[in-house]
Amino acid sequence: SVLDSMLFKPFPLCDRNIQSILRDEIVSPLRKTGFVRASSVMHL
């Protein structure tokens, strides 16, 4: 979790769209089910 701030913290230059893709389409499924679809990474 050492870089979880990347997923939740609103940094000064933060692009919230990319942050939400990273959090909701990649990291959450990876930790919940252990699998991330290629389409999610392609979206990023």
PDB file of all heavy atoms in Angstrom:
ATOM      1  N   SER A   1       0.820  -1.221   0.000  1.00  0.00           N
ATOM      2  CA  SER A   1       0.000   0.000   0.000  1.00  0.00           C
ATOM      3  C   SER A   1       0.847   1.261   0.000  1.00  0.00           C
ATOM      4  O   SER A   1       0.327   2.366   0.139  1.00  0.00           O
ATOM      5  CB  SER A   1      -0.918   0.017   1.233  1.00  0.00           C
ATOM      6  OG  SER A   1      -0.138   0.006   2.421  1.00  0.00           O
ATOM      7  N   VAL A   2       2.180   1.106  -0.173  1.00  0.00           N
ATOM      8  CA  VAL A   2       3.068   2.254   0.017  1.00  0.00           C
ATOM      9  C   VAL A   2       2.797   3.384  -0.985  1.00  0.00           C
ATOM     10  O   VAL A   2       3.060   4.548  -0.698  1.00  0.00           O
ATOM     11  CB  VAL A   2       4.550   1.790  -0.048  1.00  0.00           C
ATOM     12  CG1 VAL A   2       4.954   1.417  -1.461  1.00  0.00           C
ATOM     13  CG2 VAL A   2       5.486   2.858   0.506  1.00  0.00           C
ATOM     14  N   LEU A   3       2.227   3.043  -2.149  1.00  0.00           N
ATOM     15  CA  LEU A   3       1.913   4.069  -3.143  1.00  0.00           C
ATOM     16  C   LEU A   3       0.412   4.263  -3.338  1.00  0.00           C
ATOM     17  O   LEU A   3      -0.021   4.797  -4.357  1.00  0.00           O
ATOM     18  CB  LEU A   3       2.571   3.721  -4.486  1.00  0.00           C
ATOM     19  CG  LEU A   3       4.076   3.972  -4.548  1.00  0.00           C
ATOM     20  CD1 LEU A   3       4.660   3.431  -5.839  1.00  0.00           C
ATOM     21  CD2 LEU A   3       4.394   5.450  -4.409  1.00  0.00           C
ATOM     22  N   ASP A   4      -0.385   3.869  -2.348  1.00  0.00           N
ATOM     23  CA  ASP A   4      -1.833   4.028  -2.479  1.00  0.00           C
ATOM     24  C   ASP A   4      -2.272   5.491  -2.523  1.00  0.00           C
ATOM     25  O   ASP A   4      -3.397   5.792  -2.939  1.00  0.00           O
ATOM     26  CB  ASP A   4      -2.560   3.306  -1.340  1.00  0.00           C
ATOM     27  CG  ASP A   4      -2.787   1.832  -1.651  1.00  0.00           C
ATOM     28  OD1 ASP A   4      -2.122   1.315  -2.578  1.00  0.00           O
ATOM     29  OD2 ASP A   4      -3.619   1.194  -0.978  1.00  0.00           O
ATOM     30  N   SER A   5      -1.390   6.395  -2.114  1.00  0.00           N
ATOM     31  CA  SER A   5      -1.723   7.820  -2.252  1.00  0.00           C
ATOM     32  C   SER A   5      -1.952   8.185  -3.710  1.00  0.00           C
ATOM     33  O   SER A   5      -2.723   9.101  -4.019  1.00  0.00           O
ATOM     34  CB  SER A   5      -0.606   8.694  -1.659  1.00  0.00           C
ATOM     35  OG  SER A   5       0.626   8.447  -2.331  1.00  0.00           O
ATOM     36  N   MET A   6      -1.298   7.455  -4.637  1.00  0.00           N
ATOM     37  CA  MET A   6      -1.509   7.688  -6.068  1.00  0.00           C
ATOM     38  C   MET A   6      -2.958   7.451  -6.467  1.00  0.00           C
ATOM     39  O   MET A   6      -3.449   8.012  -7.447  1.00  0.00           O
ATOM     40  CB  MET A   6      -0.616   6.755  -6.899  1.00  0.00           C
ATOM     41  CG  MET A   6       0.843   7.139  -6.933  1.00  0.00           C
ATOM     42  SD  MET A   6       1.838   5.944  -7.876  1.00  0.00           S
ATOM     43  CE  MET A   6       1.090   6.021  -9.500  1.00  0.00           C
ATOM     44  N   LEU A   7      -3.652   6.612  -5.708  1.00  0.00           N
ATOM     45  CA  LEU A   7      -5.017   6.224  -6.063  1.00  0.00           C
ATOM     46  C   LEU A   7      -6.072   7.147  -5.469  1.00  0.00           C
ATOM     47  O   LEU A   7      -7.165   7.275  -6.024  1.00  0.00           O
ATOM     48  CB  LEU A   7      -5.288   4.792  -5.571  1.00  0.00           C
ATOM     49  CG  LEU A   7      -4.260   3.725  -5.942  1.00  0.00           C
ATOM     50  CD1 LEU A   7      -4.622   2.399  -5.273  1.00  0.00           C
ATOM     51  CD2 LEU A   7      -4.176   3.576  -7.450  1.00  0.00           C
ATOM     52  N   PHE A   8      -5.768   7.779  -4.345  1.00  0.00           N
ATOM     53  CA  PHE A   8      -6.805   8.501  -3.611  1.00  0.00           C
ATOM     54  C   PHE A   8      -6.522   9.990  -3.398  1.00  0.00           C
ATOM     55  O   PHE A   8      -7.448  10.793  -3.321  1.00  0.00           O
ATOM     56  CB  PHE A   8      -7.015   7.845  -2.231  1.00  0.00           C
ATOM     57  CG  PHE A   8      -7.416   6.406  -2.308  1.00  0.00           C
ATOM     58  CD1 PHE A   8      -6.491   5.396  -2.091  1.00  0.00           C
ATOM     59  CD2 PHE A   8      -8.721   6.047  -2.607  1.00  0.00           C
ATOM     60  CE1 PHE A   8      -6.860   4.055  -2.176  1.00  0.00           C
ATOM     61  CE2 PHE A   8      -9.108   4.716  -2.694  1.00  0.00           C
ATOM     62  CZ  PHE A   8      -8.174   3.725  -2.470  1.00  0.00           C
ATOM     63  N   LYS A   9      -5.263  10.353  -3.292  1.00  0.00           N
ATOM     64  CA  LYS A   9      -4.924  11.722  -2.899  1.00  0.00           C
ATOM     65  C   LYS A   9      -5.014  12.682  -4.084  1.00  0.00           C
ATOM     66  O   LYS A   9      -4.477  12.405  -5.155  1.00  0.00           O
ATOM     67  CB  LYS A   9      -3.501  11.746  -2.328  1.00  0.00           C
ATOM     68  CG  LYS A   9      -3.099  13.068  -1.708  1.00  0.00           C
ATOM     69  CD  LYS A   9      -1.713  12.940  -1.067  1.00  0.00           C
ATOM     70  CE  LYS A   9      -1.241  14.275  -0.507  1.00  0.00           C
ATOM     71  NZ  LYS A   9       0.095  14.172   0.098  1.00  0.00           N
ATOM     72  N   PRO A  10      -5.700  13.821  -3.938  1.00  0.00           N
ATOM     73  CA  PRO A  10      -5.755  14.820  -5.023  1.00  0.00           C
ATOM     74  C   PRO A  10      -4.487  15.681  -5.059  1.00  0.00           C
ATOM     75  O   PRO A  10      -4.412  16.729  -4.428  1.00  0.00           O
ATOM     76  CB  PRO A  10      -6.985  15.666  -4.657  1.00  0.00           C
ATOM     77  CG  PRO A  10      -7.090  15.552  -3.170  1.00  0.00           C
ATOM     78  CD  PRO A  10      -6.534  14.203  -2.790  1.00  0.00           C
ATOM     79  N   PHE A  11      -3.480  15.231  -5.789  1.00  0.00           N
ATOM     80  CA  PHE A  11      -2.235  15.987  -5.911  1.00  0.00           C
ATOM     81  C   PHE A  11      -2.465  17.265  -6.719  1.00  0.00           C
ATOM     82  O   PHE A  11      -3.458  17.377  -7.446  1.00  0.00           O
ATOM     83  CB  PHE A  11      -1.167  15.130  -6.597  1.00  0.00           C
ATOM     84  CG  PHE A  11      -0.743  13.932  -5.787  1.00  0.00           C
ATOM     85  CD1 PHE A  11      -1.260  12.673  -6.063  1.00  0.00           C
ATOM     86  CD2 PHE A  11       0.156  14.063  -4.744  1.00  0.00           C
ATOM     87  CE1 PHE A  11      -0.883  11.574  -5.321  1.00  0.00           C
ATOM     88  CE2 PHE A  11       0.547  12.965  -4.003  1.00  0.00           C
ATOM     89  CZ  PHE A  11       0.017  11.716  -4.282  1.00  0.00           C
ATOM     90  N   PRO A  12      -1.545  18.239  -6.629  1.00  0.00           N
ATOM     91  CA  PRO A  12      -1.737  19.534  -7.319  1.00  0.00           C
ATOM     92  C   PRO A  12      -1.989  19.403  -8.820  1.00  0.00           C
ATOM     93  O   PRO A  12      -2.819  20.119  -9.372  1.00  0.00           O
ATOM     94  CB  PRO A  12      -0.420  20.270  -7.041  1.00  0.00           C
ATOM     95  CG  PRO A  12       0.094  19.674  -5.771  1.00  0.00           C
ATOM     96  CD  PRO A  12      -0.341  18.244  -5.778  1.00  0.00           C
ATOM     97  N   LEU A  13      -1.271  18.495  -9.491  1.00  0.00           N
ATOM     98  CA  LEU A  13      -1.418  18.354 -10.940  1.00  0.00           C
ATOM     99  C   LEU A  13      -2.295  17.158 -11.313  1.00  0.00           C
ATOM    100  O   LEU A  13      -2.342  16.762 -12.475  1.00  0.00           O
ATOM    101  CB  LEU A  13      -0.038  18.181 -11.592  1.00  0.00           C
ATOM    102  CG  LEU A  13       0.981  19.287 -11.345  1.00  0.00           C
ATOM    103  CD1 LEU A  13       2.317  18.926 -11.980  1.00  0.00           C
ATOM    104  CD2 LEU A  13       0.480  20.605 -11.890  1.00  0.00           C
ATOM    105  N   CYS A  14      -2.978  16.601 -10.318  1.00  0.00           N
ATOM    106  CA  CYS A  14      -3.612  15.300 -10.487  1.00  0.00           C
ATOM    107  C   CYS A  14      -4.704  15.280 -11.554  1.00  0.00           C
ATOM    108  O   CYS A  14      -5.619  16.102 -11.547  1.00  0.00           O
ATOM    109  CB  CYS A  14      -4.204  14.860  -9.154  1.00  0.00           C
ATOM    110  SG  CYS A  14      -4.800  13.185  -9.151  1.00  0.00           S
ATOM    111  N   ASP A  15      -4.594  14.342 -12.476  1.00  0.00           N
ATOM    112  CA  ASP A  15      -5.645  14.083 -13.461  1.00  0.00           C
ATOM    113  C   ASP A  15      -6.585  13.040 -12.845  1.00  0.00           C
ATOM    114  O   ASP A  15      -6.259  11.866 -12.764  1.00  0.00           O
ATOM    115  CB  ASP A  15      -5.025  13.563 -14.767  1.00  0.00           C
ATOM    116  CG  ASP A  15      -6.054  13.395 -15.866  1.00  0.00           C
ATOM    117  OD1 ASP A  15      -7.005  12.631 -15.661  1.00  0.00           O
ATOM    118  OD2 ASP A  15      -5.900  14.031 -16.928  1.00  0.00           O
ATOM    119  N   ARG A  16      -7.788  13.483 -12.416  1.00  0.00           N
ATOM    120  CA  ARG A  16      -8.680  12.598 -11.675  1.00  0.00           C
ATOM    121  C   ARG A  16      -9.210  11.455 -12.528  1.00  0.00           C
ATOM    122  O   ARG A  16      -9.544  10.381 -12.018  1.00  0.00           O
ATOM    123  CB  ARG A  16      -9.844  13.400 -11.079  1.00  0.00           C
ATOM    124  CG  ARG A  16      -9.429  14.527 -10.133  1.00  0.00           C
ATOM    125  CD  ARG A  16      -8.477  14.062  -9.032  1.00  0.00           C
ATOM    126  NE  ARG A  16      -9.090  13.161  -8.096  1.00  0.00           N
ATOM    127  CZ  ARG A  16      -9.708  13.533  -6.986  1.00  0.00           C
ATOM    128  NH1 ARG A  16      -9.786  14.821  -6.674  1.00  0.00           N
ATOM    129  NH2 ARG A  16     -10.230  12.645  -6.172  1.00  0.00           N
ATOM    130  N   ASN A  17      -9.304  11.662 -13.837  1.00  0.00           N
ATOM    131  CA  ASN A  17      -9.786  10.600 -14.716  1.00  0.00           C
ATOM    132  C   ASN A  17      -8.803   9.436 -14.747  1.00  0.00           C
ATOM    133  O   ASN A  17      -9.178   8.270 -14.575  1.00  0.00           O
ATOM    134  CB  ASN A  17     -10.009  11.146 -16.132  1.00  0.00           C
ATOM    135  CG  ASN A  17     -10.548  10.091 -17.080  1.00  0.00           C
ATOM    136  OD1 ASN A  17     -11.381   9.279 -16.695  1.00  0.00           O
ATOM    137  ND2 ASN A  17     -10.078  10.093 -18.306  1.00  0.00           N
ATOM    138  N   ILE A  18      -7.520   9.747 -14.950  1.00  0.00           N
ATOM    139  CA  ILE A  18      -6.498   8.695 -14.965  1.00  0.00           C
ATOM    140  C   ILE A  18      -6.377   8.052 -13.589  1.00  0.00           C
ATOM    141  O   ILE A  18      -6.216   6.833 -13.468  1.00  0.00           O
ATOM    142  CB  ILE A  18      -5.152   9.270 -15.441  1.00  0.00           C
ATOM    143  CG1 ILE A  18      -5.229   9.553 -16.951  1.00  0.00           C
ATOM    144  CG2 ILE A  18      -3.999   8.325 -15.122  1.00  0.00           C
ATOM    145  CD1 ILE A  18      -3.970  10.086 -17.564  1.00  0.00           C
ATOM    146  N   GLN A  19      -6.501   8.866 -12.550  1.00  0.00           N
ATOM    147  CA  GLN A  19      -6.443   8.325 -11.193  1.00  0.00           C
ATOM    148  C   GLN A  19      -7.576   7.319 -10.946  1.00  0.00           C
ATOM    149  O   GLN A  19      -7.364   6.255 -10.365  1.00  0.00           O
ATOM    150  CB  GLN A  19      -6.521   9.462 -10.170  1.00  0.00           C
ATOM    151  CG  GLN A  19      -6.211   9.031  -8.744  1.00  0.00           C
ATOM    152  CD  GLN A  19      -6.300  10.191  -7.771  1.00  0.00           C
ATOM    153  OE1 GLN A  19      -7.248  10.972  -7.802  1.00  0.00           O
ATOM    154  NE2 GLN A  19      -5.314  10.308  -6.893  1.00  0.00           N
ATOM    155  N   SER A  20      -8.783   7.622 -11.417  1.00  0.00           N
ATOM    156  CA  SER A  20      -9.919   6.723 -11.203  1.00  0.00           C
ATOM    157  C   SER A  20      -9.783   5.444 -12.034  1.00  0.00           C
ATOM    158  O   SER A  20     -10.163   4.366 -11.582  1.00  0.00           O
ATOM    159  CB  SER A  20     -11.234   7.433 -11.527  1.00  0.00           C
ATOM    160  OG  SER A  20     -11.313   7.751 -12.904  1.00  0.00           O
ATOM    161  N   ILE A  21      -9.238   5.550 -13.260  1.00  0.00           N
ATOM    162  CA  ILE A  21      -9.002   4.352 -14.076  1.00  0.00           C
ATOM    163  C   ILE A  21      -8.009   3.435 -13.364  1.00  0.00           C
ATOM    164  O   ILE A  21      -8.217   2.219 -13.263  1.00  0.00           O
ATOM    165  CB  ILE A  21      -8.467   4.731 -15.468  1.00  0.00           C
ATOM    166  CG1 ILE A  21      -9.532   5.480 -16.274  1.00  0.00           C
ATOM    167  CG2 ILE A  21      -8.014   3.480 -16.236  1.00  0.00           C
ATOM    168  CD1 ILE A  21      -9.002   6.085 -17.569  1.00  0.00           C
ATOM    169  N   LEU A  22      -6.936   4.027 -12.872  1.00  0.00           N
ATOM    170  CA  LEU A  22      -5.904   3.264 -12.172  1.00  0.00           C
ATOM    171  C   LEU A  22      -6.488   2.576 -10.939  1.00  0.00           C
ATOM    172  O   LEU A  22      -6.248   1.387 -10.702  1.00  0.00           O
ATOM    173  CB  LEU A  22      -4.773   4.217 -11.768  1.00  0.00           C
ATOM    174  CG  LEU A  22      -3.498   3.637 -11.169  1.00  0.00           C
ATOM    175  CD1 LEU A  22      -2.815   2.710 -12.152  1.00  0.00           C
ATOM    176  CD2 LEU A  22      -2.557   4.769 -10.754  1.00  0.00           C
ATOM    177  N   ARG A  23      -7.298   3.308 -10.184  1.00  0.00           N
ATOM    178  CA  ARG A  23      -7.858   2.773  -8.928  1.00  0.00           C
ATOM    179  C   ARG A  23      -8.975   1.752  -9.181  1.00  0.00           C
ATOM    180  O   ARG A  23      -8.954   0.642  -8.653  1.00  0.00           O
ATOM    181  CB  ARG A  23      -8.392   3.933  -8.086  1.00  0.00           C
ATOM    182  CG  ARG A  23      -9.019   3.502  -6.754  1.00  0.00           C
ATOM    183  CD  ARG A  23      -9.630   4.701  -6.051  1.00  0.00           C
ATOM    184  NE  ARG A  23     -10.700   5.283  -6.844  1.00  0.00           N
ATOM    185  CZ  ARG A  23     -10.769   6.587  -7.157  1.00  0.00           C
ATOM    186  NH1 ARG A  23      -9.834   7.429  -6.757  1.00  0.00           N
ATOM    187  NH2 ARG A  23     -11.782   7.037  -7.883  1.00  0.00           N
ATOM    188  N   ASP A  24      -9.965   2.137 -10.012  1.00  0.00           N
ATOM    189  CA  ASP A  24     -11.203   1.349 -10.126  1.00  0.00           C
ATOM    190  C   ASP A  24     -11.129   0.236 -11.167  1.00  0.00           C
ATOM    191  O   ASP A  24     -11.781  -0.795 -11.022  1.00  0.00           O
ATOM    192  CB  ASP A  24     -12.382   2.270 -10.463  1.00  0.00           C
ATOM    193  CG  ASP A  24     -12.553   3.378  -9.441  1.00  0.00           C
ATOM    194  OD1 ASP A  24     -12.129   3.173  -8.287  1.00  0.00           O
ATOM    195  OD2 ASP A  24     -13.090   4.448  -9.792  1.00  0.00           O
ATOM    196  N   GLU A  25     -10.328   0.432 -12.220  1.00  0.00           N
ATOM    197  CA  GLU A  25     -10.303  -0.566 -13.294  1.00  0.00           C
ATOM    198  C   GLU A  25      -9.094  -1.505 -13.214  1.00  0.00           C
ATOM    199  O   GLU A  25      -9.086  -2.550 -13.857  1.00  0.00           O
ATOM    200  CB  GLU A  25     -10.312   0.129 -14.659  1.00  0.00           C
ATOM    201  CG  GLU A  25     -11.570   0.928 -14.937  1.00  0.00           C
ATOM    202  CD  GLU A  25     -11.606   1.487 -16.349  1.00  0.00           C
ATOM    203  OE1 GLU A  25     -11.037   0.857 -17.267  1.00  0.00           O
ATOM    204  OE2 GLU A  25     -12.185   2.578 -16.531  1.00  0.00           O
ATOM    205  N   ILE A  26      -8.069  -1.104 -12.444  1.00  0.00           N
ATOM    206  CA  ILE A  26      -6.858  -1.927 -12.397  1.00  0.00           C
ATOM    207  C   ILE A  26      -6.564  -2.426 -10.978  1.00  0.00           C
ATOM    208  O   ILE A  26      -6.551  -3.630 -10.727  1.00  0.00           O
ATOM    209  CB  ILE A  26      -5.650  -1.161 -12.978  1.00  0.00           C
ATOM    210  CG1 ILE A  26      -5.900  -0.869 -14.465  1.00  0.00           C
ATOM    211  CG2 ILE A  26      -4.350  -1.953 -12.789  1.00  0.00           C
ATOM    212  CD1 ILE A  26      -4.856  -0.015 -15.127  1.00  0.00           C
ATOM    213  N   VAL A  27      -6.347  -1.518 -10.030  1.00  0.00           N
ATOM    214  CA  VAL A  27      -5.896  -1.933  -8.703  1.00  0.00           C
ATOM    215  C   VAL A  27      -6.990  -2.666  -7.929  1.00  0.00           C
ATOM    216  O   VAL A  27      -6.746  -3.735  -7.336  1.00  0.00           O
ATOM    217  CB  VAL A  27      -5.377  -0.724  -7.899  1.00  0.00           C
ATOM    218  CG1 VAL A  27      -4.975  -1.168  -6.486  1.00  0.00           C
ATOM    219  CG2 VAL A  27      -4.186  -0.087  -8.603  1.00  0.00           C
ATOM    220  N   SER A  28      -8.210  -2.144  -7.925  1.00  0.00           N
ATOM    221  CA  SER A  28      -9.287  -2.808  -7.174  1.00  0.00           C
ATOM    222  C   SER A  28      -9.577  -4.218  -7.684  1.00  0.00           C
ATOM    223  O   SER A  28      -9.654  -5.162  -6.882  1.00  0.00           O
ATOM    224  CB  SER A  28     -10.560  -1.948  -7.203  1.00  0.00           C
ATOM    225  OG  SER A  28     -10.394  -0.799  -6.396  1.00  0.00           O
ATOM    226  N   PRO A  29      -9.749  -4.434  -9.010  1.00  0.00           N
ATOM    227  CA  PRO A  29      -9.955  -5.808  -9.477  1.00  0.00           C
ATOM    228  C   PRO A  29      -8.766  -6.730  -9.188  1.00  0.00           C
ATOM    229  O   PRO A  29      -8.952  -7.908  -8.875  1.00  0.00           O
ATOM    230  CB  PRO A  29     -10.153  -5.651 -10.992  1.00  0.00           C
ATOM    231  CG  PRO A  29     -10.435  -4.236 -11.230  1.00  0.00           C
ATOM    232  CD  PRO A  29      -9.876  -3.460 -10.090  1.00  0.00           C
ATOM    233  N   LEU A  30      -7.552  -6.182  -9.289  1.00  0.00           N
ATOM    234  CA  LEU A  30      -6.355  -6.996  -9.027  1.00  0.00           C
ATOM    235  C   LEU A  30      -6.363  -7.506  -7.596  1.00  0.00           C
ATOM    236  O   LEU A  30      -6.075  -8.676  -7.331  1.00  0.00           O
ATOM    237  CB  LEU A  30      -5.093  -6.168  -9.301  1.00  0.00           C
ATOM    238  CG  LEU A  30      -3.753  -6.858  -9.063  1.00  0.00           C
ATOM    239  CD1 LEU A  30      -3.574  -8.063  -9.987  1.00  0.00           C
ATOM    240  CD2 LEU A  30      -2.596  -5.878  -9.260  1.00  0.00           C
ATOM    241  N   ARG A  31      -6.703  -6.627  -6.655  1.00  0.00           N
ATOM    242  CA  ARG A  31      -6.700  -7.016  -5.244  1.00  0.00           C
ATOM    243  C   ARG A  31      -7.937  -7.838  -4.874  1.00  0.00           C
ATOM    244  O   ARG A  31      -7.890  -8.659  -3.954  1.00  0.00           O
ATOM    245  CB  ARG A  31      -6.625  -5.768  -4.367  1.00  0.00           C
ATOM    246  CG  ARG A  31      -5.296  -5.032  -4.459  1.00  0.00           C
ATOM    247  CD  ARG A  31      -5.313  -3.746  -3.650  1.00  0.00           C
ATOM    248  NE  ARG A  31      -4.010  -3.067  -3.668  1.00  0.00           N
ATOM    249  CZ  ARG A  31      -3.776  -1.908  -3.075  1.00  0.00           C
ATOM    250  NH1 ARG A  31      -4.763  -1.277  -2.431  1.00  0.00           N
ATOM    251  NH2 ARG A  31      -2.574  -1.362  -3.124  1.00  0.00           N
ATOM    252  N   LYS A  32      -9.031  -7.627  -5.568  1.00  0.00           N
ATOM    253  CA  LYS A  32     -10.278  -8.334  -5.236  1.00  0.00           C
ATOM    254  C   LYS A  32     -10.311  -9.727  -5.847  1.00  0.00           C
ATOM    255  O   LYS A  32     -10.614 -10.708  -5.151  1.00  0.00           O
ATOM    256  CB  LYS A  32     -11.473  -7.516  -5.725  1.00  0.00           C
ATOM    257  CG  LYS A  32     -12.819  -8.160  -5.406  1.00  0.00           C
ATOM    258  CD  LYS A  32     -13.964  -7.322  -5.948  1.00  0.00           C
ATOM    259  CE  LYS A  32     -15.316  -7.969  -5.629  1.00  0.00           C
ATOM    260  NZ  LYS A  32     -16.446  -7.201  -6.194  1.00  0.00           N
ATOM    261  N   THR A  33     -10.003  -9.840  -7.137  1.00  0.00           N
ATOM    262  CA  THR A  33     -10.150 -11.119  -7.835  1.00  0.00           C
ATOM    263  C   THR A  33      -8.826 -11.691  -8.329  1.00  0.00           C
ATOM    264  O   THR A  33      -8.778 -12.829  -8.770  1.00  0.00           O
ATOM    265  CB  THR A  33     -11.087 -10.961  -9.054  1.00  0.00           C
ATOM    266  OG1 THR A  33     -10.439 -10.125 -10.039  1.00  0.00           O
ATOM    267  CG2 THR A  33     -12.405 -10.325  -8.651  1.00  0.00           C
ATOM    268  N   GLY A  34      -7.753 -10.882  -8.302  1.00  0.00           N
ATOM    269  CA  GLY A  34      -6.461 -11.352  -8.792  1.00  0.00           C
ATOM    270  C   GLY A  34      -6.321 -11.297 -10.298  1.00  0.00           C
ATOM    271  O   GLY A  34      -5.365 -11.829 -10.857  1.00  0.00           O
ATOM    272  N   PHE A  35      -7.267 -10.634 -10.976  1.00  0.00           N
ATOM    273  CA  PHE A  35      -7.211 -10.591 -12.441  1.00  0.00           C
ATOM    274  C   PHE A  35      -7.628  -9.216 -12.958  1.00  0.00           C
ATOM    275  O   PHE A  35      -8.592  -8.620 -12.483  1.00  0.00           O
ATOM    276  CB  PHE A  35      -8.143 -11.653 -13.041  1.00  0.00           C
ATOM    277  CG  PHE A  35      -8.172 -11.653 -14.556  1.00  0.00           C
ATOM    278  CD1 PHE A  35      -7.069 -12.108 -15.275  1.00  0.00           C
ATOM    279  CD2 PHE A  35      -9.277 -11.188 -15.248  1.00  0.00           C
ATOM    280  CE1 PHE A  35      -7.080 -12.102 -16.674  1.00  0.00           C
ATOM    281  CE2 PHE A  35      -9.299 -11.181 -16.637  1.00  0.00           C
ATOM    282  CZ  PHE A  35      -8.197 -11.636 -17.348  1.00  0.00           C
ATOM    283  N   VAL A  36      -6.875  -8.709 -13.953  1.00  0.00           N
ATOM    284  CA  VAL A  36      -7.191  -7.446 -14.619  1.00  0.00           C
ATOM    285  C   VAL A  36      -7.240  -7.697 -16.119  1.00  0.00           C
ATOM    286  O   VAL A  36      -6.295  -8.255 -16.694  1.00  0.00           O
ATOM    287  CB  VAL A  36      -6.138  -6.357 -14.300  1.00  0.00           C
ATOM    288  CG1 VAL A  36      -6.486  -5.057 -15.022  1.00  0.00           C
ATOM    289  CG2 VAL A  36      -6.047  -6.112 -12.801  1.00  0.00           C
ATOM    290  N   ARG A  37      -8.320  -7.281 -16.750  1.00  0.00           N
ATOM    291  CA  ARG A  37      -8.480  -7.472 -18.188  1.00  0.00           C
ATOM    292  C   ARG A  37      -7.551  -6.548 -18.963  1.00  0.00           C
ATOM    293  O   ARG A  37      -7.254  -5.432 -18.534  1.00  0.00           O
ATOM    294  CB  ARG A  37      -9.925  -7.176 -18.595  1.00  0.00           C
ATOM    295  CG  ARG A  37     -10.957  -8.067 -17.959  1.00  0.00           C
ATOM    296  CD  ARG A  37     -12.360  -7.484 -18.113  1.00  0.00           C
ATOM    297  NE  ARG A  37     -12.713  -7.321 -19.510  1.00  0.00           N
ATOM    298  CZ  ARG A  37     -13.401  -8.223 -20.216  1.00  0.00           C
ATOM    299  NH1 ARG A  37     -13.818  -9.327 -19.632  1.00  0.00           N
ATOM    300  NH2 ARG A  37     -13.692  -8.014 -21.481  1.00  0.00           N
ATOM    301  N   ALA A  38      -7.131  -7.007 -20.136  1.00  0.00           N
ATOM    302  CA  ALA A  38      -6.260  -6.200 -20.995  1.00  0.00           C
ATOM    303  C   ALA A  38      -6.948  -4.903 -21.413  1.00  0.00           C
ATOM    304  O   ALA A  38      -6.293  -3.874 -21.600  1.00  0.00           O
ATOM    305  CB  ALA A  38      -5.851  -7.002 -22.222  1.00  0.00           C
ATOM    306  N   SER A  39      -8.284  -4.929 -21.546  1.00  0.00           N
ATOM    307  CA  SER A  39      -9.018  -3.725 -21.963  1.00  0.00           C
ATOM    308  C   SER A  39      -8.897  -2.605 -20.933  1.00  0.00           C
ATOM    309  O   SER A  39      -8.907  -1.423 -21.286  1.00  0.00           O
ATOM    310  CB  SER A  39     -10.495  -4.059 -22.209  1.00  0.00           C
ATOM    311  OG  SER A  39     -11.078  -4.626 -21.043  1.00  0.00           O
ATOM    312  N   SER A  40      -8.771  -2.966 -19.661  1.00  0.00           N
ATOM    313  CA  SER A  40      -8.618  -1.951 -18.611  1.00  0.00           C
ATOM    314  C   SER A  40      -7.261  -1.260 -18.721  1.00  0.00           C
ATOM    315  O   SER A  40      -7.154  -0.036 -18.586  1.00  0.00           O
ATOM    316  CB  SER A  40      -8.772  -2.590 -17.227  1.00  0.00           C
ATOM    317  OG  SER A  40     -10.056  -3.151 -17.067  1.00  0.00           O
ATOM    318  N   VAL A  41      -6.215  -2.065 -18.969  1.00  0.00           N
ATOM    319  CA  VAL A  41      -4.884  -1.482 -19.140  1.00  0.00           C
ATOM    320  C   VAL A  41      -4.839  -0.649 -20.421  1.00  0.00           C
ATOM    321  O   VAL A  41      -4.223   0.419 -20.450  1.00  0.00           O
ATOM    322  CB  VAL A  41      -3.806  -2.586 -19.157  1.00  0.00           C
ATOM    323  CG1 VAL A  41      -2.420  -1.977 -19.374  1.00  0.00           C
ATOM    324  CG2 VAL A  41      -3.822  -3.369 -17.855  1.00  0.00           C
ATOM    325  N   MET A  42      -5.514  -1.108 -21.470  1.00  0.00           N
ATOM    326  CA  MET A  42      -5.553  -0.345 -22.720  1.00  0.00           C
ATOM    327  C   MET A  42      -6.261   0.997 -22.515  1.00  0.00           C
ATOM    328  O   MET A  42      -5.869   2.012 -23.104  1.00  0.00           O
ATOM    329  CB  MET A  42      -6.257  -1.151 -23.821  1.00  0.00           C
ATOM    330  CG  MET A  42      -6.301  -0.446 -25.165  1.00  0.00           C
ATOM    331  SD  MET A  42      -4.653   0.027 -25.810  1.00  0.00           S
ATOM    332  CE  MET A  42      -4.066  -1.570 -26.382  1.00  0.00           C
ATOM    333  N   HIS A  43      -7.288   1.018 -21.677  1.00  0.00           N
ATOM    334  CA  HIS A  43      -7.974   2.278 -21.364  1.00  0.00           C
ATOM    335  C   HIS A  43      -6.997   3.271 -20.730  1.00  0.00           C
ATOM    336  O   HIS A  43      -6.963   4.454 -21.092  1.00  0.00           O
ATOM    337  CB  HIS A  43      -9.147   2.004 -20.410  1.00  0.00           C
ATOM    338  CG  HIS A  43     -10.067   3.163 -20.230  1.00  0.00           C
ATOM    339  ND1 HIS A  43     -11.017   3.233 -19.224  1.00  0.00           N
ATOM    340  CD2 HIS A  43     -10.189   4.349 -20.911  1.00  0.00           C
ATOM    341  CE1 HIS A  43     -11.666   4.375 -19.305  1.00  0.00           C
ATOM    342  NE2 HIS A  43     -11.185   5.073 -20.316  1.00  0.00           N
ATOM    343  N   LEU A  44      -6.173   2.767 -19.806  1.00  0.00           N
ATOM    344  CA  LEU A  44      -5.148   3.613 -19.186  1.00  0.00           C
ATOM    345  C   LEU A  44      -4.125   4.062 -20.221  1.00  0.00           C
ATOM    346  O   LEU A  44      -3.730   5.237 -20.259  1.00  0.00           O
ATOM    347  CB  LEU A  44      -4.460   2.848 -18.054  1.00  0.00           C
ATOM    348  CG  LEU A  44      -3.301   3.574 -17.346  1.00  0.00           C
ATOM    349  CD1 LEU A  44      -3.794   4.828 -16.630  1.00  0.00           C
ATOM    350  CD2 LEU A  44      -2.599   2.636 -16.350  1.00  0.00           C
TER     351      LEU A  44
END
